[in-house]
Amino acid sequence: MKSSTEGVPLYRIAQARSGDKNDVCDITVFLPTRELYEATDAALSAEAVSSFLAPLVTGPVRRYDLPRLYGYKFVCHGALGGGGSASLRSDNLGKSMAAALLRIRVPGVSAELAATSPVYAGPPRREGAVA
């Protein structure tokens, strides 16, 4: 088993959106190329996502593949502490789950392949901006 410190952080190669309804959260991850989509397939299994998001997600996680969009949709049950009216989490709920998932590390993605993602280097720097 590889260390959790190995691999490329998903936020360096992908974008994600999330939302919530009752005690269910959905997270959709979009990769910019077929190569990156295929390279992340095993690392973004339903089991891996469920393990990474525990203990925030206590129920089952189901993954839906979106091959034409180079994306994955995860539906996470038991993810919001009972939902908006029951949860002690005041505002974030499902909206912040995409940011949480983007922290997962994806092993097996070479630096060269990661650098093909338009989000890899971050936003373009403005001329004269301080690093």
Protein backbone atom coordinates (compact mmCIF):
# COMPACT_ATOMS: atom_id res chain seq x y z
CA MET A 1 0.00 0.00 0.00
CA LYS A 2 1.35 3.43 -0.94
CA SER A 3 1.75 6.23 1.54
CA SER A 4 -0.93 8.91 1.56
CA THR A 5 1.82 11.45 0.91
CA GLU A 6 2.64 9.93 -2.50
CA GLY A 7 1.00 11.01 -5.70
CA VAL A 8 -0.35 14.22 -7.13
CA PRO A 9 -3.03 16.10 -5.17
CA LEU A 10 -6.26 15.99 -7.16
CA TYR A 11 -6.61 19.79 -6.97
CA ARG A 12 -3.51 20.08 -9.18
CA ILE A 13 -5.17 18.23 -12.08
CA ALA A 14 -8.96 18.50 -11.68
CA GLN A 15 -11.90 20.69 -10.80
CA ALA A 16 -14.93 19.71 -8.73
CA ARG A 17 -18.39 20.88 -7.73
CA SER A 18 -20.64 19.67 -4.95
CA GLY A 19 -24.07 20.16 -3.50
CA ASP A 20 -26.39 18.77 -0.88
CA LYS A 21 -29.94 17.65 -0.33
CA ASN A 22 -31.05 16.38 3.06
CA ASP A 23 -28.33 14.00 4.30
CA VAL A 24 -26.92 13.28 0.82
CA CYS A 25 -24.02 15.07 -0.82
CA ASP A 26 -23.03 14.82 -4.46
CA ILE A 27 -19.55 15.63 -5.72
CA THR A 28 -18.60 15.75 -9.38
CA VAL A 29 -14.94 15.72 -10.38
CA PHE A 30 -13.93 16.89 -13.87
CA LEU A 31 -10.60 16.06 -15.51
CA PRO A 32 -9.44 18.08 -18.54
CA THR A 33 -8.20 15.19 -20.69
CA ARG A 34 -8.96 11.55 -21.40
CA GLU A 35 -5.44 10.62 -20.24
CA LEU A 36 -5.93 12.21 -16.83
CA TYR A 37 -9.44 10.74 -16.57
CA GLU A 38 -8.08 7.24 -17.19
CA ALA A 39 -5.08 7.77 -14.89
CA THR A 40 -7.33 8.69 -11.95
CA ASP A 41 -9.85 5.88 -12.43
CA ALA A 42 -8.50 3.47 -9.82
CA ALA A 43 -7.59 6.15 -7.27
CA LEU A 44 -11.09 7.62 -7.41
CA SER A 45 -13.02 4.45 -6.69
CA ALA A 46 -16.12 4.69 -4.51
CA GLU A 47 -14.22 2.85 -1.76
CA ALA A 48 -11.24 5.24 -1.92
CA VAL A 49 -13.50 8.30 -1.77
CA SER A 50 -15.51 6.82 1.10
CA SER A 51 -12.33 6.10 3.05
CA PHE A 52 -10.84 9.53 2.34
CA LEU A 53 -13.99 11.43 3.38
CA ALA A 54 -14.58 9.41 6.57
CA PRO A 55 -15.75 10.38 9.17
CA LEU A 56 -17.63 13.15 7.31
CA VAL A 57 -19.37 10.50 5.19
CA THR A 58 -20.84 7.67 7.26
CA GLY A 59 -23.05 6.00 4.65
CA PRO A 60 -22.40 4.38 1.30
CA VAL A 61 -20.69 6.21 -1.57
CA ARG A 62 -21.75 5.42 -5.12
CA ARG A 63 -19.70 6.44 -8.16
CA TYR A 64 -21.14 7.22 -11.57
CA ASP A 65 -18.74 7.44 -14.50
CA LEU A 66 -19.14 10.35 -16.93
CA PRO A 67 -16.72 9.31 -19.70
CA ARG A 68 -17.84 11.89 -22.27
CA LEU A 69 -17.21 14.65 -19.73
CA TYR A 70 -14.05 13.02 -18.32
CA GLY A 71 -15.70 13.07 -14.94
CA TYR A 72 -16.92 11.10 -11.97
CA LYS A 73 -20.02 11.80 -9.89
CA PHE A 74 -20.04 10.58 -6.31
CA VAL A 75 -23.27 10.36 -4.33
CA CYS A 76 -22.45 10.22 -0.64
CA HIS A 77 -25.14 9.12 1.83
CA GLY A 78 -24.94 9.96 5.52
CA ALA A 79 -22.69 12.87 4.62
CA LEU A 80 -24.24 15.90 6.22
CA GLY A 81 -24.85 15.13 9.86
CA GLY A 82 -28.57 14.57 9.25
CA GLY A 83 -29.06 17.42 6.77
CA GLY A 84 -29.37 21.19 7.02
CA SER A 85 -31.95 21.39 9.78
CA ALA A 86 -30.39 18.64 11.91
CA SER A 87 -26.68 19.25 11.42
CA LEU A 88 -24.39 21.15 13.76
CA ARG A 89 -22.34 22.20 10.72
CA SER A 90 -23.79 25.66 10.27
CA ASP A 91 -23.27 26.54 6.62
CA ASN A 92 -20.75 24.42 4.73
CA LEU A 93 -22.62 21.16 4.45
CA GLY A 94 -22.25 19.74 0.94
CA LYS A 95 -20.85 22.88 -0.66
CA SER A 96 -17.42 22.34 0.84
CA MET A 97 -17.20 18.61 0.14
CA ALA A 98 -15.69 19.15 -3.34
CA ALA A 99 -12.83 21.12 -1.81
CA ALA A 100 -12.30 18.34 0.73
CA LEU A 101 -12.19 15.64 -1.96
CA LEU A 102 -9.74 17.64 -4.09
CA ARG A 103 -7.17 17.05 -1.33
CA ILE A 104 -6.99 13.30 -2.10
CA ARG A 105 -3.69 12.22 -3.63
CA VAL A 106 -3.66 10.33 -6.91
CA PRO A 107 -0.76 7.87 -7.25
CA GLY A 108 0.58 6.88 -10.63
CA VAL A 109 0.17 10.25 -12.36
CA SER A 110 3.52 11.36 -13.74
CA ALA A 111 4.67 14.96 -13.39
CA GLU A 112 4.58 15.26 -17.18
CA LEU A 113 0.96 14.09 -17.36
CA ALA A 114 -0.07 16.28 -14.41
CA ALA A 115 1.50 19.31 -16.10
CA THR A 116 -0.89 18.86 -19.07
CA SER A 117 -3.78 19.99 -16.87
CA PRO A 118 -4.62 23.68 -17.22
CA VAL A 119 -5.13 23.91 -13.44
CA TYR A 120 -1.75 22.32 -12.63
CA ALA A 121 0.26 25.53 -12.27
CA GLY A 122 -2.62 27.51 -10.84
CA PRO A 123 -4.04 30.69 -12.33
CA PRO A 124 -1.81 32.71 -14.64
CA ARG A 125 0.32 35.26 -12.82
CA ARG A 126 -0.21 38.91 -13.55
CA GLU A 127 2.81 40.76 -14.78
CA GLY A 128 4.56 42.38 -11.82
CA ALA A 129 2.68 40.25 -9.25
CA VAL A 130 4.57 39.24 -6.12
CA ALA A 131 5.01 35.49 -5.81
